[in-house]
N, C-alpha and C. Protein backbone atom coordinates (compact mmCIF):
# COMPACT_ATOMS: atom_id res chain seq x y z
N MET A 1 13.28 -8.79 11.32
CA MET A 1 14.22 -9.71 11.97
C MET A 1 13.53 -11.07 12.15
N TYR A 2 14.24 -12.12 11.88
CA TYR A 2 13.72 -13.48 12.07
C TYR A 2 13.73 -13.79 13.56
N ILE A 3 12.55 -14.07 14.13
CA ILE A 3 12.44 -14.32 15.57
C ILE A 3 11.60 -15.57 15.81
N PRO A 4 12.21 -16.73 16.00
CA PRO A 4 11.44 -17.90 16.42
C PRO A 4 10.72 -17.61 17.73
N ALA A 5 9.58 -18.25 17.93
CA ALA A 5 8.71 -17.91 19.06
C ALA A 5 9.43 -18.05 20.40
N HIS A 6 10.29 -19.05 20.55
CA HIS A 6 10.93 -19.26 21.86
C HIS A 6 12.01 -18.23 22.16
N PHE A 7 12.42 -17.43 21.18
CA PHE A 7 13.40 -16.38 21.41
C PHE A 7 12.77 -14.98 21.46
N ALA A 8 11.48 -14.88 21.24
CA ALA A 8 10.83 -13.58 21.17
C ALA A 8 10.72 -12.95 22.55
N GLN A 9 11.05 -11.67 22.61
CA GLN A 9 10.87 -10.89 23.83
C GLN A 9 9.94 -9.73 23.50
N ALA A 10 8.71 -9.84 23.96
CA ALA A 10 7.70 -8.84 23.60
C ALA A 10 7.48 -7.79 24.68
N ASP A 11 7.86 -8.08 25.92
CA ASP A 11 7.64 -7.12 27.01
C ASP A 11 8.51 -5.88 26.82
N ARG A 12 7.90 -4.73 26.98
CA ARG A 12 8.61 -3.47 26.74
C ARG A 12 9.78 -3.26 27.70
N GLU A 13 9.57 -3.51 28.99
CA GLU A 13 10.57 -3.11 29.98
C GLU A 13 11.93 -3.78 29.76
N PRO A 14 11.99 -5.10 29.51
CA PRO A 14 13.30 -5.70 29.21
C PRO A 14 13.95 -5.12 27.95
N LEU A 15 13.12 -4.76 26.96
CA LEU A 15 13.66 -4.16 25.74
C LEU A 15 14.20 -2.76 26.03
N PHE A 16 13.44 -1.98 26.81
CA PHE A 16 13.91 -0.66 27.21
C PHE A 16 15.21 -0.77 28.03
N ASP A 17 15.26 -1.75 28.92
CA ASP A 17 16.46 -1.93 29.75
C ASP A 17 17.68 -2.20 28.88
N LEU A 18 17.51 -3.05 27.86
CA LEU A 18 18.64 -3.36 26.98
C LEU A 18 19.07 -2.12 26.21
N ILE A 19 18.11 -1.34 25.70
CA ILE A 19 18.46 -0.13 24.96
C ILE A 19 19.27 0.81 25.83
N GLU A 20 18.85 1.01 27.05
CA GLU A 20 19.56 1.95 27.93
C GLU A 20 20.91 1.42 28.37
N ALA A 21 21.02 0.10 28.54
CA ALA A 21 22.30 -0.48 28.94
C ALA A 21 23.29 -0.55 27.79
N HIS A 22 22.79 -0.55 26.56
CA HIS A 22 23.64 -0.66 25.36
C HIS A 22 23.22 0.43 24.38
N ALA A 23 23.29 1.67 24.85
CA ALA A 23 22.68 2.79 24.13
C ALA A 23 23.47 3.24 22.90
N PHE A 24 24.69 2.76 22.73
CA PHE A 24 25.45 3.08 21.52
C PHE A 24 24.94 2.18 20.41
N GLY A 25 23.99 2.71 19.64
CA GLY A 25 23.29 1.89 18.65
C GLY A 25 23.61 2.25 17.22
N LEU A 26 22.88 1.64 16.33
CA LEU A 26 23.07 1.80 14.90
C LEU A 26 21.80 2.39 14.30
N LEU A 27 21.92 3.55 13.66
CA LEU A 27 20.81 4.23 13.00
C LEU A 27 20.90 3.96 11.51
N ILE A 28 19.91 3.25 10.95
CA ILE A 28 19.94 2.82 9.55
C ILE A 28 18.77 3.44 8.81
N SER A 29 19.05 3.97 7.62
CA SER A 29 18.00 4.56 6.81
C SER A 29 18.38 4.45 5.34
N GLY A 30 17.42 4.76 4.48
CA GLY A 30 17.74 4.94 3.07
C GLY A 30 18.49 6.25 2.89
N SER A 31 19.38 6.31 1.90
CA SER A 31 20.16 7.53 1.68
C SER A 31 19.73 8.26 0.41
N GLY A 32 18.75 7.70 -0.31
CA GLY A 32 18.33 8.31 -1.56
C GLY A 32 16.91 7.91 -1.90
N PRO A 33 16.47 8.11 -3.13
CA PRO A 33 15.09 7.80 -3.51
C PRO A 33 14.76 6.33 -3.47
N ASP A 34 15.76 5.47 -3.63
CA ASP A 34 15.52 4.04 -3.60
C ASP A 34 15.98 3.51 -2.25
N ALA A 35 15.07 3.53 -1.27
CA ALA A 35 15.44 3.15 0.09
C ALA A 35 15.81 1.67 0.20
N ALA A 36 15.41 0.87 -0.78
CA ALA A 36 15.70 -0.55 -0.71
C ALA A 36 17.17 -0.85 -1.01
N THR A 37 17.82 0.03 -1.77
CA THR A 37 19.20 -0.25 -2.16
C THR A 37 20.18 0.81 -1.67
N ASP A 38 19.71 2.04 -1.51
CA ASP A 38 20.61 3.12 -1.08
C ASP A 38 20.55 3.23 0.43
N MET A 39 21.37 2.45 1.11
CA MET A 39 21.33 2.42 2.56
C MET A 39 22.52 3.15 3.16
N ILE A 40 22.31 3.72 4.34
CA ILE A 40 23.37 4.40 5.06
C ILE A 40 23.14 4.19 6.55
N ALA A 41 24.21 4.17 7.34
CA ALA A 41 24.09 3.92 8.77
C ALA A 41 25.06 4.80 9.54
N SER A 42 24.66 5.16 10.76
CA SER A 42 25.52 5.91 11.67
C SER A 42 25.51 5.23 13.03
N HIS A 43 26.67 5.22 13.67
CA HIS A 43 26.81 4.66 15.01
C HIS A 43 26.77 5.82 16.00
N VAL A 44 25.74 5.83 16.86
CA VAL A 44 25.54 6.98 17.74
C VAL A 44 24.99 6.54 19.10
N PRO A 45 25.27 7.32 20.15
CA PRO A 45 24.62 7.07 21.44
C PRO A 45 23.20 7.64 21.43
N PHE A 46 22.26 6.86 21.91
CA PHE A 46 20.86 7.27 21.93
C PHE A 46 20.40 7.57 23.35
N LEU A 47 19.41 8.43 23.45
CA LEU A 47 18.62 8.61 24.65
C LEU A 47 17.27 7.95 24.42
N LEU A 48 16.70 7.36 25.47
CA LEU A 48 15.38 6.75 25.37
C LEU A 48 14.44 7.46 26.33
N ASP A 49 13.37 8.02 25.79
CA ASP A 49 12.28 8.57 26.60
C ASP A 49 11.20 7.51 26.69
N ARG A 50 11.18 6.77 27.76
CA ARG A 50 10.30 5.60 27.89
C ARG A 50 8.81 5.96 27.84
N GLU A 51 8.45 7.10 28.36
CA GLU A 51 7.03 7.43 28.51
C GLU A 51 6.46 8.22 27.33
N ARG A 52 7.26 8.53 26.34
CA ARG A 52 6.77 9.28 25.19
C ARG A 52 6.36 8.31 24.09
N GLY A 53 5.08 7.97 24.04
CA GLY A 53 4.59 7.05 23.04
C GLY A 53 4.49 5.64 23.57
N GLU A 54 3.75 4.81 22.84
CA GLU A 54 3.52 3.43 23.27
C GLU A 54 4.82 2.64 23.39
N TYR A 55 5.75 2.89 22.48
CA TYR A 55 7.02 2.16 22.48
C TYR A 55 8.21 3.08 22.77
N GLY A 56 7.94 4.24 23.37
CA GLY A 56 9.02 5.15 23.70
C GLY A 56 9.45 5.99 22.50
N THR A 57 10.36 6.91 22.77
CA THR A 57 10.93 7.77 21.73
C THR A 57 12.44 7.79 21.87
N LEU A 58 13.14 7.59 20.76
CA LEU A 58 14.60 7.62 20.74
C LEU A 58 15.07 8.99 20.28
N VAL A 59 16.15 9.45 20.89
CA VAL A 59 16.71 10.77 20.59
C VAL A 59 18.21 10.63 20.44
N CYS A 60 18.78 11.31 19.44
CA CYS A 60 20.22 11.33 19.26
C CYS A 60 20.59 12.58 18.49
N HIS A 61 21.87 12.75 18.22
CA HIS A 61 22.29 13.84 17.34
C HIS A 61 23.37 13.35 16.39
N LEU A 62 23.43 13.97 15.23
CA LEU A 62 24.42 13.65 14.21
C LEU A 62 25.17 14.91 13.82
N ALA A 63 26.34 14.71 13.25
CA ALA A 63 27.05 15.84 12.66
C ALA A 63 26.23 16.38 11.49
N ALA A 64 26.11 17.70 11.42
CA ALA A 64 25.32 18.30 10.34
C ALA A 64 25.88 17.92 8.97
N ALA A 65 27.17 17.63 8.90
CA ALA A 65 27.80 17.28 7.63
C ALA A 65 27.59 15.81 7.25
N ASN A 66 27.00 15.02 8.12
CA ASN A 66 26.75 13.61 7.85
C ASN A 66 25.77 13.48 6.68
N ASN A 67 26.13 12.73 5.65
CA ASN A 67 25.26 12.56 4.47
C ASN A 67 23.90 11.99 4.82
N GLN A 68 23.81 11.26 5.93
CA GLN A 68 22.55 10.63 6.30
C GLN A 68 21.48 11.67 6.65
N VAL A 69 21.89 12.84 7.14
CA VAL A 69 20.93 13.85 7.60
C VAL A 69 19.97 14.25 6.49
N ALA A 70 20.48 14.39 5.28
CA ALA A 70 19.66 14.89 4.17
C ALA A 70 18.50 13.96 3.85
N ALA A 71 18.60 12.69 4.21
CA ALA A 71 17.55 11.73 3.84
C ALA A 71 16.77 11.22 5.05
N LEU A 72 16.89 11.93 6.20
CA LEU A 72 16.26 11.42 7.41
C LEU A 72 14.89 12.00 7.70
N ASP A 73 14.71 13.28 7.52
CA ASP A 73 13.51 13.95 8.00
C ASP A 73 12.25 13.36 7.37
N GLY A 74 11.37 12.82 8.21
CA GLY A 74 10.13 12.23 7.74
C GLY A 74 10.26 10.83 7.19
N ARG A 75 11.44 10.24 7.26
CA ARG A 75 11.67 8.90 6.67
C ARG A 75 11.65 7.82 7.75
N GLU A 76 11.24 6.63 7.35
CA GLU A 76 11.29 5.48 8.24
C GLU A 76 12.73 5.05 8.46
N VAL A 77 13.07 4.75 9.71
CA VAL A 77 14.43 4.34 10.05
C VAL A 77 14.36 3.10 10.94
N LEU A 78 15.51 2.45 11.04
CA LEU A 78 15.68 1.30 11.93
C LEU A 78 16.85 1.58 12.86
N CYS A 79 16.63 1.39 14.15
CA CYS A 79 17.70 1.53 15.15
C CYS A 79 17.95 0.16 15.78
N ILE A 80 19.22 -0.24 15.84
CA ILE A 80 19.58 -1.56 16.35
C ILE A 80 20.44 -1.40 17.60
N PHE A 81 20.10 -2.20 18.63
CA PHE A 81 20.84 -2.18 19.88
C PHE A 81 21.26 -3.60 20.21
N GLN A 82 22.57 -3.82 20.32
CA GLN A 82 23.12 -5.15 20.55
C GLN A 82 23.50 -5.31 22.01
N GLY A 83 22.91 -6.31 22.65
CA GLY A 83 23.25 -6.63 24.03
C GLY A 83 24.35 -7.68 24.11
N PRO A 84 24.46 -8.38 25.24
CA PRO A 84 25.50 -9.41 25.39
C PRO A 84 25.34 -10.50 24.34
N HIS A 85 26.48 -11.03 23.88
CA HIS A 85 26.43 -12.10 22.88
C HIS A 85 27.70 -12.93 23.00
N GLY A 86 27.66 -14.15 22.48
CA GLY A 86 28.85 -14.98 22.54
C GLY A 86 28.66 -16.32 21.86
N TYR A 87 29.78 -16.93 21.53
CA TYR A 87 29.83 -18.24 20.87
C TYR A 87 29.44 -19.34 21.84
N VAL A 88 28.71 -20.33 21.32
CA VAL A 88 28.31 -21.49 22.12
C VAL A 88 28.81 -22.76 21.44
N SER A 89 29.67 -23.49 22.13
CA SER A 89 30.22 -24.74 21.58
C SER A 89 29.29 -25.90 21.85
N PRO A 90 29.12 -26.81 20.88
CA PRO A 90 28.30 -28.02 21.13
C PRO A 90 28.92 -28.91 22.21
N ASN A 91 30.21 -28.75 22.48
CA ASN A 91 30.85 -29.52 23.54
C ASN A 91 30.32 -29.16 24.92
N TRP A 92 29.63 -28.03 25.03
CA TRP A 92 29.08 -27.60 26.32
C TRP A 92 27.72 -28.22 26.61
N TYR A 93 27.14 -28.90 25.63
CA TYR A 93 25.81 -29.49 25.81
C TYR A 93 25.92 -30.89 26.42
N ALA A 94 24.90 -31.25 27.18
CA ALA A 94 24.82 -32.61 27.70
C ALA A 94 24.26 -33.55 26.64
N LYS A 95 23.43 -33.00 25.75
CA LYS A 95 22.75 -33.82 24.74
C LYS A 95 23.42 -33.64 23.38
N LYS A 96 23.75 -34.72 22.72
CA LYS A 96 24.34 -34.69 21.38
C LYS A 96 23.47 -35.53 20.45
N PRO A 97 23.54 -35.37 19.13
CA PRO A 97 24.45 -34.46 18.42
C PRO A 97 23.96 -33.01 18.51
N ALA A 98 24.89 -32.10 18.22
CA ALA A 98 24.59 -30.67 18.27
C ALA A 98 25.59 -29.94 17.40
N VAL A 99 25.29 -28.70 17.11
CA VAL A 99 26.16 -27.88 16.27
C VAL A 99 26.49 -26.58 17.01
N PRO A 100 27.55 -25.89 16.59
CA PRO A 100 27.86 -24.59 17.21
C PRO A 100 26.76 -23.57 16.93
N THR A 101 26.64 -22.60 17.81
CA THR A 101 25.69 -21.52 17.59
C THR A 101 26.19 -20.27 18.28
N TRP A 102 25.38 -19.24 18.25
CA TRP A 102 25.72 -17.95 18.87
C TRP A 102 24.51 -17.48 19.65
N ASN A 103 24.69 -17.21 20.92
CA ASN A 103 23.62 -16.65 21.74
C ASN A 103 23.76 -15.14 21.79
N TYR A 104 22.62 -14.44 21.85
CA TYR A 104 22.69 -12.98 21.82
C TYR A 104 21.36 -12.37 22.23
N MET A 105 21.43 -11.07 22.52
CA MET A 105 20.26 -10.27 22.84
C MET A 105 20.31 -9.02 21.97
N VAL A 106 19.20 -8.74 21.26
CA VAL A 106 19.20 -7.60 20.35
C VAL A 106 17.80 -6.99 20.31
N VAL A 107 17.75 -5.68 20.10
CA VAL A 107 16.49 -4.96 19.95
C VAL A 107 16.52 -4.18 18.65
N HIS A 108 15.43 -4.27 17.88
CA HIS A 108 15.23 -3.46 16.69
C HIS A 108 14.08 -2.50 16.96
N ALA A 109 14.31 -1.22 16.73
CA ALA A 109 13.28 -0.21 16.93
C ALA A 109 13.06 0.53 15.61
N TYR A 110 11.79 0.65 15.21
CA TYR A 110 11.44 1.29 13.95
C TYR A 110 10.62 2.55 14.23
N GLY A 111 10.77 3.56 13.40
CA GLY A 111 9.98 4.76 13.53
C GLY A 111 10.32 5.77 12.45
N ARG A 112 9.59 6.86 12.44
CA ARG A 112 9.80 7.92 11.46
C ARG A 112 10.60 9.05 12.11
N ALA A 113 11.72 9.40 11.51
CA ALA A 113 12.64 10.37 12.11
C ALA A 113 12.18 11.80 11.88
N ARG A 114 12.48 12.63 12.85
CA ARG A 114 12.30 14.08 12.72
C ARG A 114 13.63 14.75 12.99
N VAL A 115 14.06 15.63 12.10
CA VAL A 115 15.34 16.34 12.23
C VAL A 115 15.08 17.72 12.82
N SER A 116 15.88 18.09 13.80
CA SER A 116 15.74 19.40 14.44
C SER A 116 17.06 20.15 14.42
N ARG A 117 16.98 21.43 14.15
CA ARG A 117 18.14 22.32 14.27
C ARG A 117 17.90 23.39 15.33
N ASP A 118 16.90 23.15 16.16
CA ASP A 118 16.57 24.09 17.23
C ASP A 118 17.64 24.07 18.31
N ALA A 119 18.20 25.23 18.63
CA ALA A 119 19.32 25.30 19.56
C ALA A 119 18.96 24.78 20.94
N ALA A 120 17.75 25.09 21.41
CA ALA A 120 17.35 24.64 22.74
C ALA A 120 17.23 23.11 22.79
N GLU A 121 16.66 22.51 21.75
CA GLU A 121 16.57 21.06 21.70
C GLU A 121 17.95 20.42 21.67
N LEU A 122 18.83 20.98 20.86
CA LEU A 122 20.18 20.43 20.74
C LEU A 122 20.93 20.54 22.07
N ARG A 123 20.78 21.66 22.74
CA ARG A 123 21.43 21.83 24.04
C ARG A 123 20.93 20.77 25.01
N GLY A 124 19.61 20.51 24.99
CA GLY A 124 19.05 19.50 25.87
C GLY A 124 19.60 18.11 25.60
N ILE A 125 19.77 17.76 24.32
CA ILE A 125 20.31 16.44 23.98
C ILE A 125 21.74 16.30 24.47
N VAL A 126 22.58 17.28 24.17
CA VAL A 126 23.99 17.21 24.59
C VAL A 126 24.09 17.20 26.11
N ASP A 127 23.27 17.99 26.78
CA ASP A 127 23.31 18.06 28.23
C ASP A 127 22.90 16.74 28.86
N ARG A 128 21.83 16.12 28.34
CA ARG A 128 21.38 14.85 28.90
C ARG A 128 22.40 13.74 28.68
N LEU A 129 22.98 13.68 27.49
CA LEU A 129 23.99 12.66 27.22
C LEU A 129 25.21 12.82 28.12
N SER A 130 25.66 14.04 28.29
CA SER A 130 26.86 14.26 29.11
C SER A 130 26.59 13.90 30.56
N LYS A 131 25.40 14.17 31.07
CA LYS A 131 25.09 13.84 32.46
C LYS A 131 25.08 12.33 32.68
N ILE A 132 24.63 11.58 31.67
CA ILE A 132 24.62 10.12 31.80
C ILE A 132 26.03 9.57 31.86
N TYR A 133 26.91 10.04 30.99
CA TYR A 133 28.23 9.41 30.86
C TYR A 133 29.32 10.11 31.65
N GLU A 134 29.13 11.34 32.05
CA GLU A 134 30.13 12.05 32.84
C GLU A 134 29.98 11.81 34.34
N GLY A 135 28.75 11.54 34.77
CA GLY A 135 28.53 11.40 36.20
C GLY A 135 28.35 12.77 36.86
N PRO A 136 28.11 12.77 38.18
CA PRO A 136 27.76 14.02 38.86
C PRO A 136 28.87 15.07 38.89
N ASP A 137 30.12 14.65 38.80
CA ASP A 137 31.23 15.60 38.92
C ASP A 137 31.97 15.82 37.61
N GLY A 138 31.38 15.40 36.51
CA GLY A 138 32.08 15.48 35.23
C GLY A 138 31.84 16.78 34.48
N TRP A 139 32.22 16.76 33.22
CA TRP A 139 32.10 17.93 32.35
C TRP A 139 30.64 18.33 32.20
N ARG A 140 30.40 19.63 32.15
CA ARG A 140 29.06 20.16 31.94
C ARG A 140 29.09 21.20 30.84
N LEU A 141 28.11 21.13 29.95
CA LEU A 141 28.02 22.12 28.89
C LEU A 141 27.84 23.52 29.47
N ASP A 142 27.15 23.63 30.59
CA ASP A 142 26.92 24.94 31.20
C ASP A 142 28.21 25.61 31.66
N ASP A 143 29.28 24.81 31.80
CA ASP A 143 30.56 25.39 32.23
C ASP A 143 31.31 26.05 31.08
N GLU A 144 30.87 25.80 29.86
CA GLU A 144 31.53 26.37 28.69
C GLU A 144 30.91 27.73 28.33
N PRO A 145 31.68 28.61 27.70
CA PRO A 145 31.12 29.91 27.30
C PRO A 145 30.04 29.75 26.24
N GLU A 146 29.08 30.67 26.23
CA GLU A 146 27.99 30.62 25.27
C GLU A 146 28.49 30.67 23.83
N SER A 147 29.60 31.35 23.63
CA SER A 147 30.15 31.42 22.27
C SER A 147 30.60 30.05 21.79
N PHE A 148 31.08 29.21 22.71
CA PHE A 148 31.47 27.85 22.36
C PHE A 148 30.25 27.05 21.93
N PHE A 149 29.17 27.13 22.71
CA PHE A 149 27.95 26.39 22.36
C PHE A 149 27.38 26.88 21.03
N ALA A 150 27.42 28.17 20.81
CA ALA A 150 26.88 28.72 19.56
C ALA A 150 27.60 28.16 18.35
N GLY A 151 28.90 27.97 18.47
CA GLY A 151 29.66 27.39 17.37
C GLY A 151 29.40 25.90 17.23
N MET A 152 29.33 25.22 18.38
CA MET A 152 29.12 23.78 18.36
C MET A 152 27.76 23.43 17.76
N VAL A 153 26.72 24.18 18.15
CA VAL A 153 25.37 23.82 17.75
C VAL A 153 25.16 23.94 16.24
N ARG A 154 25.97 24.76 15.59
CA ARG A 154 25.86 24.87 14.13
C ARG A 154 26.37 23.61 13.43
N GLY A 155 27.11 22.80 14.14
CA GLY A 155 27.71 21.62 13.52
C GLY A 155 26.96 20.33 13.77
N ILE A 156 25.80 20.39 14.46
CA ILE A 156 25.06 19.17 14.75
C ILE A 156 23.58 19.37 14.47
N VAL A 157 22.88 18.26 14.33
CA VAL A 157 21.41 18.28 14.22
C VAL A 157 20.86 17.23 15.18
N GLY A 158 19.67 17.50 15.69
CA GLY A 158 19.01 16.54 16.57
C GLY A 158 18.10 15.62 15.79
N ILE A 159 17.98 14.39 16.26
CA ILE A 159 17.11 13.39 15.62
C ILE A 159 16.17 12.84 16.69
N GLU A 160 14.88 12.87 16.40
CA GLU A 160 13.87 12.31 17.30
C GLU A 160 13.09 11.25 16.55
N ILE A 161 12.95 10.08 17.18
CA ILE A 161 12.29 8.94 16.52
C ILE A 161 11.24 8.35 17.45
N PRO A 162 9.98 8.74 17.30
CA PRO A 162 8.92 8.06 18.04
C PRO A 162 8.82 6.61 17.53
N VAL A 163 9.03 5.66 18.41
CA VAL A 163 9.10 4.26 17.99
C VAL A 163 7.69 3.73 17.74
N THR A 164 7.49 3.18 16.55
CA THR A 164 6.19 2.62 16.19
C THR A 164 6.18 1.10 16.22
N ARG A 165 7.36 0.50 16.20
CA ARG A 165 7.45 -0.97 16.27
C ARG A 165 8.74 -1.33 16.99
N LEU A 166 8.61 -2.27 17.93
CA LEU A 166 9.75 -2.66 18.76
C LEU A 166 9.85 -4.18 18.73
N GLU A 167 11.00 -4.69 18.31
CA GLU A 167 11.22 -6.14 18.24
C GLU A 167 12.39 -6.52 19.13
N GLY A 168 12.22 -7.60 19.85
CA GLY A 168 13.31 -8.10 20.69
C GLY A 168 13.56 -9.58 20.45
N LYS A 169 14.81 -9.92 20.32
CA LYS A 169 15.20 -11.33 20.18
C LYS A 169 16.26 -11.63 21.23
N PHE A 170 15.88 -12.45 22.21
CA PHE A 170 16.81 -12.86 23.26
C PHE A 170 17.05 -14.35 23.06
N LYS A 171 18.10 -14.68 22.34
CA LYS A 171 18.44 -16.08 22.02
C LYS A 171 19.36 -16.59 23.13
N LEU A 172 18.78 -17.31 24.10
CA LEU A 172 19.49 -17.67 25.32
C LEU A 172 19.32 -19.15 25.65
N SER A 173 19.36 -19.98 24.61
CA SER A 173 19.26 -21.44 24.74
C SER A 173 17.90 -21.91 25.27
N GLN A 174 16.84 -21.11 25.03
CA GLN A 174 15.51 -21.55 25.46
C GLN A 174 15.05 -22.79 24.70
N ASN A 175 15.64 -23.05 23.53
CA ASN A 175 15.25 -24.21 22.72
C ASN A 175 15.99 -25.48 23.11
N ARG A 176 16.88 -25.38 24.08
CA ARG A 176 17.65 -26.55 24.52
C ARG A 176 17.14 -27.03 25.88
N PRO A 177 17.34 -28.33 26.20
CA PRO A 177 17.00 -28.81 27.54
C PRO A 177 17.79 -28.04 28.61
N LEU A 178 17.25 -27.97 29.80
CA LEU A 178 17.92 -27.21 30.86
C LEU A 178 19.35 -27.66 31.15
N PRO A 179 19.66 -28.99 31.11
CA PRO A 179 21.07 -29.36 31.33
C PRO A 179 22.01 -28.76 30.28
N ASP A 180 21.53 -28.61 29.05
CA ASP A 180 22.34 -27.98 28.02
C ASP A 180 22.57 -26.50 28.33
N ALA A 181 21.50 -25.82 28.71
CA ALA A 181 21.62 -24.41 29.08
C ALA A 181 22.57 -24.24 30.25
N ASP A 182 22.46 -25.13 31.23
CA ASP A 182 23.35 -25.06 32.39
C ASP A 182 24.81 -25.23 31.99
N GLY A 183 25.04 -26.13 31.03
CA GLY A 183 26.41 -26.33 30.55
C GLY A 183 26.97 -25.09 29.87
N VAL A 184 26.13 -24.41 29.10
CA VAL A 184 26.57 -23.19 28.44
C VAL A 184 26.87 -22.11 29.48
N ILE A 185 25.98 -21.96 30.45
CA ILE A 185 26.18 -20.96 31.49
C ILE A 185 27.49 -21.21 32.24
N ALA A 186 27.73 -22.46 32.61
CA ALA A 186 28.94 -22.80 33.35
C ALA A 186 30.20 -22.50 32.55
N ASN A 187 30.18 -22.82 31.26
CA ASN A 187 31.37 -22.60 30.44
C ASN A 187 31.59 -21.12 30.12
N LEU A 188 30.52 -20.36 29.97
CA LEU A 188 30.69 -18.91 29.78
C LEU A 188 31.32 -18.29 31.02
N ARG A 189 30.89 -18.74 32.19
CA ARG A 189 31.48 -18.24 33.43
C ARG A 189 32.93 -18.69 33.58
N ARG A 190 33.21 -19.90 33.12
CA ARG A 190 34.59 -20.39 33.18
C ARG A 190 35.50 -19.55 32.29
N LEU A 191 35.03 -19.21 31.11
CA LEU A 191 35.83 -18.39 30.19
C LEU A 191 36.01 -16.98 30.72
N GLY A 192 35.00 -16.43 31.38
CA GLY A 192 35.10 -15.10 31.96
C GLY A 192 35.09 -13.99 30.92
N GLY A 193 35.32 -12.78 31.37
CA GLY A 193 35.22 -11.62 30.51
C GLY A 193 33.84 -11.00 30.65
N ASP A 194 33.76 -9.70 30.52
CA ASP A 194 32.49 -9.00 30.75
C ASP A 194 31.37 -9.52 29.87
N GLU A 195 31.66 -9.74 28.59
CA GLU A 195 30.61 -10.15 27.65
C GLU A 195 30.08 -11.54 28.00
N ASN A 196 30.98 -12.49 28.23
CA ASN A 196 30.56 -13.85 28.57
C ASN A 196 29.79 -13.88 29.89
N LEU A 197 30.26 -13.12 30.87
CA LEU A 197 29.60 -13.13 32.17
C LEU A 197 28.22 -12.49 32.10
N ALA A 198 28.09 -11.43 31.33
CA ALA A 198 26.79 -10.79 31.17
C ALA A 198 25.82 -11.73 30.46
N LEU A 199 26.31 -12.44 29.44
CA LEU A 199 25.47 -13.39 28.72
C LEU A 199 25.06 -14.54 29.64
N ALA A 200 26.00 -15.02 30.45
CA ALA A 200 25.69 -16.10 31.39
C ALA A 200 24.61 -15.67 32.38
N GLU A 201 24.68 -14.43 32.87
CA GLU A 201 23.68 -13.95 33.81
C GLU A 201 22.30 -13.88 33.17
N ALA A 202 22.26 -13.40 31.93
CA ALA A 202 20.98 -13.33 31.23
C ALA A 202 20.41 -14.71 30.99
N MET A 203 21.27 -15.65 30.60
CA MET A 203 20.82 -17.03 30.40
C MET A 203 20.33 -17.65 31.70
N ASP A 204 21.03 -17.40 32.78
CA ASP A 204 20.65 -17.97 34.07
C ASP A 204 19.28 -17.46 34.52
N ALA A 205 19.00 -16.16 34.28
CA ALA A 205 17.70 -15.61 34.66
C ALA A 205 16.58 -16.30 33.89
N VAL A 206 16.81 -16.58 32.60
CA VAL A 206 15.81 -17.29 31.80
C VAL A 206 15.67 -18.74 32.27
N ALA A 207 16.80 -19.40 32.55
CA ALA A 207 16.77 -20.79 32.97
C ALA A 207 16.03 -20.96 34.31
N GLN A 208 16.20 -20.01 35.19
CA GLN A 208 15.55 -20.10 36.51
C GLN A 208 14.02 -20.10 36.35
N LYS A 209 13.51 -19.38 35.37
CA LYS A 209 12.07 -19.32 35.15
C LYS A 209 11.54 -20.64 34.58
N ARG A 210 12.44 -21.44 33.99
CA ARG A 210 12.02 -22.70 33.39
C ARG A 210 12.05 -23.86 34.39
N ARG A 211 12.65 -23.64 35.53
CA ARG A 211 12.84 -24.77 36.49
C ARG A 211 11.55 -25.07 37.24
């Protein structure tokens, strides 16, 4: 990923925070012998084990029938996590001339995938994901009959990716004078919407450190 120095985010914790807040990511790998041209991707919710390895370990599951599974085990993969993003108009800047741009936060995680068909591992993945998104009173796998789980587990595989390289790009107008950044923040808040407001908050946190 192209990362100018002023947009680079090297600290692990902000990158981990973004992954967990935007855990529905993109798993990209080669699908055949020519990994440079035969590409395949799956959109999946990930779990992040922060303390397993220097850059954490990502965990997910795929349908066993997914063509990507056959080319994953032992292969290098890329996982992408997209945070808040939005259009930035040059009319929002105090300083001209200027051109339109797009502000965003993104994390790229690289590692070698391991495929598992172990029932206990798969149960753990499904159980952890459901507890995150269902909340304390929601659906639980333990409430279903064992025969249901036995059938379900045959249709999925687990994926574990110890992350060996972690890249973060937080493009939040750090290259612009503070009055320009303030103008963008104000206009994102004026426009409203969850995405714009989240981006404005991230920009404001960066701007406060520059004051």
